[in-house]
């Protein structure tokens, strides 16, 4: 976890590499700045004295380690496919310690995972784990919830909501109320 300062804020240094155009950087910056409107999280440009920081890069895909790793921590936002507000928030939430919604410990009460439809090597995205639910319910509208065809190998759903298989999910364009509540609970904002 990232530590809180005496002013009650959590300052997280970041560096946006030069792979991005000014328009792309503005999408990333908007995602970074959005956290300050609903939490005590403050992303700030890194300094040479920072030991730990997020290095926002365009690598292969959209990904981040979960939680604070120490030193340079890559958050990949590939120029093709990752530069959306919700995706930026999603990857930053990983860096802040959050896993995918479909991996929640209570997910079997809310979705059915269809591993037979998942691309080989992508099963880890659907593995149930002990998660930081922070006293919140399962949230189909979480920015951390994949859509029903995520990593499908055969154009069949990889997840179905239960008990109502017609519930829409995985379409979040930004963090939900539950995402914000979990963040504020974890960091005691």
C-alpha atoms as a PDB file:
ATOM      1  CA  UNK A   1       0.000   0.000   0.000  1.00  0.00           C
ATOM      2  CA  UNK A   2       1.026   3.581  -0.558  1.00  0.00           C
ATOM      3  CA  UNK A   3       1.545   5.555   2.654  1.00  0.00           C
ATOM      4  CA  UNK A   4      -0.447   8.516   3.905  1.00  0.00           C
ATOM      5  CA  UNK A   5       1.238  11.835   4.704  1.00  0.00           C
ATOM      6  CA  UNK A   6       0.584  13.978   7.771  1.00  0.00           C
ATOM      7  CA  UNK A   7      -1.872  16.097   5.759  1.00  0.00           C
ATOM      8  CA  UNK A   8      -4.070  13.003   5.268  1.00  0.00           C
ATOM      9  CA  UNK A   9      -3.258  12.643   1.580  1.00  0.00           C
ATOM     10  CA  UNK A  10      -1.610   9.745  -0.251  1.00  0.00           C
ATOM     11  CA  UNK A  11       0.895  11.136  -2.758  1.00  0.00           C
ATOM     12  CA  UNK A  12       1.902   8.799  -5.562  1.00  0.00           C
ATOM     13  CA  UNK A  13       4.675   9.903  -7.914  1.00  0.00           C
ATOM     14  CA  UNK A  14       4.296   9.123 -11.595  1.00  0.00           C
ATOM     15  CA  UNK A  15       6.224   9.633 -14.801  1.00  0.00           C
ATOM     16  CA  UNK A  16       4.585   9.526 -18.227  1.00  0.00           C
ATOM     17  CA  UNK A  17       7.108   8.365 -20.817  1.00  0.00           C
ATOM     18  CA  UNK A  18       7.584  10.186 -24.110  1.00  0.00           C
ATOM     19  CA  UNK A  19       5.850   7.442 -26.117  1.00  0.00           C
ATOM     20  CA  UNK A  20       2.602   9.396 -25.934  1.00  0.00           C
ATOM     21  CA  UNK A  21       1.279  12.334 -27.959  1.00  0.00           C
ATOM     22  CA  UNK A  22       0.024  15.418 -26.116  1.00  0.00           C
ATOM     23  CA  UNK A  23      -3.586  14.271 -26.670  1.00  0.00           C
ATOM     24  CA  UNK A  24      -2.789  10.832 -25.236  1.00  0.00           C
ATOM     25  CA  UNK A  25      -1.001  12.398 -22.275  1.00  0.00           C
ATOM     26  CA  UNK A  26      -4.082  14.512 -21.567  1.00  0.00           C
ATOM     27  CA  UNK A  27      -6.244  11.346 -21.375  1.00  0.00           C
ATOM     28  CA  UNK A  28      -3.769   9.822 -18.918  1.00  0.00           C
ATOM     29  CA  UNK A  29      -3.513  13.033 -16.884  1.00  0.00           C
ATOM     30  CA  UNK A  30      -7.303  13.311 -16.690  1.00  0.00           C
ATOM     31  CA  UNK A  31      -7.422   9.760 -15.291  1.00  0.00           C
ATOM     32  CA  UNK A  32      -4.697  10.547 -12.744  1.00  0.00           C
ATOM     33  CA  UNK A  33      -6.358  13.779 -11.644  1.00  0.00           C
ATOM     34  CA  UNK A  34      -9.823  12.217 -11.360  1.00  0.00           C
ATOM     35  CA  UNK A  35      -8.806  10.470  -8.124  1.00  0.00           C
ATOM     36  CA  UNK A  36      -8.384  13.791  -6.298  1.00  0.00           C
ATOM     37  CA  UNK A  37     -12.074  14.649  -6.767  1.00  0.00           C
ATOM     38  CA  UNK A  38     -13.351  11.679  -4.737  1.00  0.00           C
ATOM     39  CA  UNK A  39     -10.472  10.419  -2.568  1.00  0.00           C
ATOM     40  CA  UNK A  40      -7.340  11.372  -0.656  1.00  0.00           C
ATOM     41  CA  UNK A  41      -5.187   9.937  -3.478  1.00  0.00           C
ATOM     42  CA  UNK A  42      -3.007  12.521  -5.208  1.00  0.00           C
ATOM     43  CA  UNK A  43      -0.899  11.530  -8.174  1.00  0.00           C
ATOM     44  CA  UNK A  44       1.981  13.957  -8.692  1.00  0.00           C
ATOM     45  CA  UNK A  45       4.870  14.150 -11.164  1.00  0.00           C
ATOM     46  CA  UNK A  46       7.889  12.205  -9.932  1.00  0.00           C
ATOM     47  CA  UNK A  47      11.087  13.827  -8.689  1.00  0.00           C
ATOM     48  CA  UNK A  48      14.623  12.470  -8.792  1.00  0.00           C
ATOM     49  CA  UNK A  49      14.448  11.936  -5.014  1.00  0.00           C
ATOM     50  CA  UNK A  50      11.450   9.562  -5.242  1.00  0.00           C
ATOM     51  CA  UNK A  51      12.278   5.955  -4.396  1.00  0.00           C
ATOM     52  CA  UNK A  52       8.992   4.531  -5.649  1.00  0.00           C
ATOM     53  CA  UNK A  53       7.010   5.773  -8.618  1.00  0.00           C
ATOM     54  CA  UNK A  54       4.663   4.694 -11.383  1.00  0.00           C
ATOM     55  CA  UNK A  55       6.198   4.682 -14.833  1.00  0.00           C
ATOM     56  CA  UNK A  56       3.329   5.034 -17.291  1.00  0.00           C
ATOM     57  CA  UNK A  57       4.447   3.458 -20.553  1.00  0.00           C
ATOM     58  CA  UNK A  58       3.061   2.192 -23.843  1.00  0.00           C
ATOM     59  CA  UNK A  59       3.976  -1.490 -23.790  1.00  0.00           C
ATOM     60  CA  UNK A  60       2.047  -4.523 -25.031  1.00  0.00           C
ATOM     61  CA  UNK A  61      -1.395  -4.173 -23.505  1.00  0.00           C
ATOM     62  CA  UNK A  62      -3.063  -2.624 -20.489  1.00  0.00           C
ATOM     63  CA  UNK A  63      -1.625  -3.855 -17.198  1.00  0.00           C
ATOM     64  CA  UNK A  64      -0.147  -3.067 -13.807  1.00  0.00           C
ATOM     65  CA  UNK A  65       1.077  -5.023 -10.823  1.00  0.00           C
ATOM     66  CA  UNK A  66      -1.424  -5.108  -7.970  1.00  0.00           C
ATOM     67  CA  UNK A  67      -0.321  -2.867  -5.107  1.00  0.00           C
ATOM     68  CA  UNK A  68       2.891  -0.993  -4.416  1.00  0.00           C
ATOM     69  CA  UNK A  69       5.964  -2.901  -5.602  1.00  0.00           C
ATOM     70  CA  UNK A  70       8.808  -0.512  -4.792  1.00  0.00           C
ATOM     71  CA  UNK A  71      11.136   1.290  -7.178  1.00  0.00           C
ATOM     72  CA  UNK A  72      10.005   1.858 -10.736  1.00  0.00           C
ATOM     73  CA  UNK A  73       6.582   0.270 -11.205  1.00  0.00           C
ATOM     74  CA  UNK A  74       5.343   0.001 -14.778  1.00  0.00           C
ATOM     75  CA  UNK A  75       1.738   0.791 -15.617  1.00  0.00           C
ATOM     76  CA  UNK A  76       1.305  -0.129 -19.267  1.00  0.00           C
ATOM     77  CA  UNK A  77      -1.235   1.802 -21.306  1.00  0.00           C
ATOM     78  CA  UNK A  78      -0.631   0.726 -24.891  1.00  0.00           C
ATOM     79  CA  UNK A  79      -1.349   3.494 -27.368  1.00  0.00           C
ATOM     80  CA  UNK A  80      -3.644   1.107 -29.207  1.00  0.00           C
ATOM     81  CA  UNK A  81      -6.556  -0.002 -27.084  1.00  0.00           C
ATOM     82  CA  UNK A  82      -5.767   1.324 -23.593  1.00  0.00           C
ATOM     83  CA  UNK A  83      -6.164   5.087 -23.761  1.00  0.00           C
ATOM     84  CA  UNK A  84      -9.648   5.444 -22.349  1.00  0.00           C
ATOM     85  CA  UNK A  85     -10.566   7.153 -19.098  1.00  0.00           C
ATOM     86  CA  UNK A  86     -11.990   3.968 -17.549  1.00  0.00           C
ATOM     87  CA  UNK A  87      -8.964   1.922 -18.591  1.00  0.00           C
ATOM     88  CA  UNK A  88      -6.577   4.456 -17.052  1.00  0.00           C
ATOM     89  CA  UNK A  89      -8.567   4.340 -13.789  1.00  0.00           C
ATOM     90  CA  UNK A  90      -8.661   0.513 -13.940  1.00  0.00           C
ATOM     91  CA  UNK A  91      -4.878   0.183 -14.211  1.00  0.00           C
ATOM     92  CA  UNK A  92      -4.291   2.812 -11.515  1.00  0.00           C
ATOM     93  CA  UNK A  93      -6.625   0.899  -9.190  1.00  0.00           C
ATOM     94  CA  UNK A  94      -4.441  -2.169  -9.744  1.00  0.00           C
ATOM     95  CA  UNK A  95      -1.394  -0.114  -8.704  1.00  0.00           C
ATOM     96  CA  UNK A  96      -3.352   1.003  -5.627  1.00  0.00           C
ATOM     97  CA  UNK A  97      -3.997  -2.615  -4.589  1.00  0.00           C
ATOM     98  CA  UNK A  98      -7.207  -3.735  -6.282  1.00  0.00           C
ATOM     99  CA  UNK A  99      -7.894  -6.890  -8.279  1.00  0.00           C
ATOM    100  CA  UNK A 100     -10.516  -7.589 -10.928  1.00  0.00           C
ATOM    101  CA  UNK A 101     -14.118  -7.767  -9.764  1.00  0.00           C
ATOM    102  CA  UNK A 102     -14.570 -11.233 -11.291  1.00  0.00           C
ATOM    103  CA  UNK A 103     -11.814 -12.599  -9.019  1.00  0.00           C
ATOM    104  CA  UNK A 104     -13.654 -11.610  -5.807  1.00  0.00           C
ATOM    105  CA  UNK A 105     -13.934 -14.238  -3.112  1.00  0.00           C
ATOM    106  CA  UNK A 106     -17.763 -14.037  -3.332  1.00  0.00           C
ATOM    107  CA  UNK A 107     -18.003 -13.957  -7.118  1.00  0.00           C
ATOM    108  CA  UNK A 108     -19.644 -17.405  -7.436  1.00  0.00           C
ATOM    109  CA  UNK A 109     -22.837 -15.873  -6.024  1.00  0.00           C
ATOM    110  CA  UNK A 110     -22.888 -13.275  -8.814  1.00  0.00           C
ATOM    111  CA  UNK A 111     -21.203 -14.634 -11.936  1.00  0.00           C
ATOM    112  CA  UNK A 112     -20.495 -17.991 -13.474  1.00  0.00           C
ATOM    113  CA  UNK A 113     -17.035 -18.203 -15.032  1.00  0.00           C
ATOM    114  CA  UNK A 114     -16.880 -20.341 -18.179  1.00  0.00           C
ATOM    115  CA  UNK A 115     -13.209 -21.334 -18.311  1.00  0.00           C
ATOM    116  CA  UNK A 116     -13.830 -23.602 -21.305  1.00  0.00           C
ATOM    117  CA  UNK A 117     -14.297 -20.409 -23.365  1.00  0.00           C
ATOM    118  CA  UNK A 118     -11.187 -18.587 -22.077  1.00  0.00           C
ATOM    119  CA  UNK A 119      -8.071 -18.255 -24.247  1.00  0.00           C
ATOM    120  CA  UNK A 120      -5.194 -20.439 -23.164  1.00  0.00           C
ATOM    121  CA  UNK A 121      -2.865 -18.529 -20.841  1.00  0.00           C
ATOM    122  CA  UNK A 122      -5.534 -16.020 -19.776  1.00  0.00           C
ATOM    123  CA  UNK A 123      -7.183 -18.125 -17.074  1.00  0.00           C
ATOM    124  CA  UNK A 124      -5.402 -16.154 -14.326  1.00  0.00           C
ATOM    125  CA  UNK A 125      -7.751 -13.224 -15.047  1.00  0.00           C
ATOM    126  CA  UNK A 126     -10.639 -15.330 -13.736  1.00  0.00           C
ATOM    127  CA  UNK A 127      -9.054 -17.076 -10.732  1.00  0.00           C
ATOM    128  CA  UNK A 128     -10.989 -16.508  -7.516  1.00  0.00           C
ATOM    129  CA  UNK A 129      -8.780 -14.980  -4.808  1.00  0.00           C
ATOM    130  CA  UNK A 130      -9.026 -13.345  -1.389  1.00  0.00           C
ATOM    131  CA  UNK A 131      -9.844  -9.778  -2.396  1.00  0.00           C
ATOM    132  CA  UNK A 132     -10.161  -6.372  -0.732  1.00  0.00           C
ATOM    133  CA  UNK A 133     -13.958  -6.195  -0.873  1.00  0.00           C
ATOM    134  CA  UNK A 134     -13.980  -3.508   1.832  1.00  0.00           C
ATOM    135  CA  UNK A 135     -17.494  -4.413   2.971  1.00  0.00           C
ATOM    136  CA  UNK A 136     -19.031  -3.699  -0.435  1.00  0.00           C
ATOM    137  CA  UNK A 137     -21.296  -5.884  -2.556  1.00  0.00           C
ATOM    138  CA  UNK A 138     -20.363  -7.389  -5.894  1.00  0.00           C
ATOM    139  CA  UNK A 139     -20.547  -4.614  -8.476  1.00  0.00           C
ATOM    140  CA  UNK A 140     -21.405  -5.418 -12.100  1.00  0.00           C
ATOM    141  CA  UNK A 141     -20.703  -1.733 -12.858  1.00  0.00           C
ATOM    142  CA  UNK A 142     -17.203  -1.690 -11.369  1.00  0.00           C
ATOM    143  CA  UNK A 143     -14.457  -0.362 -13.616  1.00  0.00           C
ATOM    144  CA  UNK A 144     -12.599  -3.511 -12.471  1.00  0.00           C
ATOM    145  CA  UNK A 145     -15.251  -5.864 -13.961  1.00  0.00           C
ATOM    146  CA  UNK A 146     -14.400  -7.399 -17.335  1.00  0.00           C
ATOM    147  CA  UNK A 147     -17.114  -7.701 -19.985  1.00  0.00           C
ATOM    148  CA  UNK A 148     -18.771 -11.053 -20.634  1.00  0.00           C
ATOM    149  CA  UNK A 149     -16.604 -11.918 -23.677  1.00  0.00           C
ATOM    150  CA  UNK A 150     -13.241 -10.940 -22.158  1.00  0.00           C
ATOM    151  CA  UNK A 151     -10.451 -13.208 -23.460  1.00  0.00           C
ATOM    152  CA  UNK A 152     -12.933 -15.455 -25.287  1.00  0.00           C
ATOM    153  CA  UNK A 153     -11.327 -17.992 -27.615  1.00  0.00           C
ATOM    154  CA  UNK A 154     -14.546 -18.912 -29.427  1.00  0.00           C
ATOM    155  CA  UNK A 155     -16.839 -15.843 -29.387  1.00  0.00           C
ATOM    156  CA  UNK A 156     -18.758 -17.407 -26.503  1.00  0.00           C
ATOM    157  CA  UNK A 157     -19.136 -15.680 -23.113  1.00  0.00           C
ATOM    158  CA  UNK A 158     -16.396 -16.217 -20.550  1.00  0.00           C
ATOM    159  CA  UNK A 159     -18.716 -15.064 -17.758  1.00  0.00           C
ATOM    160  CA  UNK A 160     -22.450 -14.967 -17.164  1.00  0.00           C
ATOM    161  CA  UNK A 161     -24.201 -13.028 -14.409  1.00  0.00           C
ATOM    162  CA  UNK A 162     -26.356 -15.094 -12.052  1.00  0.00           C
ATOM    163  CA  UNK A 163     -29.153 -15.539 -11.312  1.00  0.00           C
ATOM    164  CA  UNK A 164     -30.211 -13.227 -14.191  1.00  0.00           C
ATOM    165  CA  UNK A 165     -28.051 -13.941 -17.241  1.00  0.00           C
ATOM    166  CA  UNK A 166     -29.400 -10.816 -18.973  1.00  0.00           C
ATOM    167  CA  UNK A 167     -27.805  -8.354 -16.533  1.00  0.00           C
ATOM    168  CA  UNK A 168     -25.407  -6.041 -18.350  1.00  0.00           C
ATOM    169  CA  UNK A 169     -21.882  -5.824 -16.932  1.00  0.00           C
ATOM    170  CA  UNK A 170     -18.323  -4.871 -17.774  1.00  0.00           C
ATOM    171  CA  UNK A 171     -19.234  -1.649 -19.572  1.00  0.00           C
ATOM    172  CA  UNK A 172     -17.978   0.924 -17.051  1.00  0.00           C
ATOM    173  CA  UNK A 173     -16.545   4.120 -18.485  1.00  0.00           C
ATOM    174  CA  UNK A 174     -15.349   5.308 -15.068  1.00  0.00           C
ATOM    175  CA  UNK A 175     -15.134   4.213 -11.450  1.00  0.00           C
ATOM    176  CA  UNK A 176     -18.409   3.265  -9.779  1.00  0.00           C
ATOM    177  CA  UNK A 177     -19.616   4.317  -6.333  1.00  0.00           C
ATOM    178  CA  UNK A 178     -18.438   0.950  -4.996  1.00  0.00           C
ATOM    179  CA  UNK A 179     -14.985   1.390  -6.551  1.00  0.00           C
ATOM    180  CA  UNK A 180     -14.709   4.775  -4.840  1.00  0.00           C
ATOM    181  CA  UNK A 181     -16.014   3.409  -1.508  1.00  0.00           C
ATOM    182  CA  UNK A 182     -13.464   0.564  -1.574  1.00  0.00           C
ATOM    183  CA  UNK A 183     -10.632   2.955  -2.371  1.00  0.00           C
ATOM    184  CA  UNK A 184     -11.616   5.352   0.403  1.00  0.00           C
ATOM    185  CA  UNK A 185     -12.045   2.494   2.896  1.00  0.00           C
ATOM    186  CA  UNK A 186      -8.671   0.947   2.098  1.00  0.00           C
ATOM    187  CA  UNK A 187      -6.760   4.232   2.272  1.00  0.00           C
ATOM    188  CA  UNK A 188      -8.912   5.634   5.096  1.00  0.00           C
ATOM    189  CA  UNK A 189      -9.754   8.773   3.133  1.00  0.00           C
END
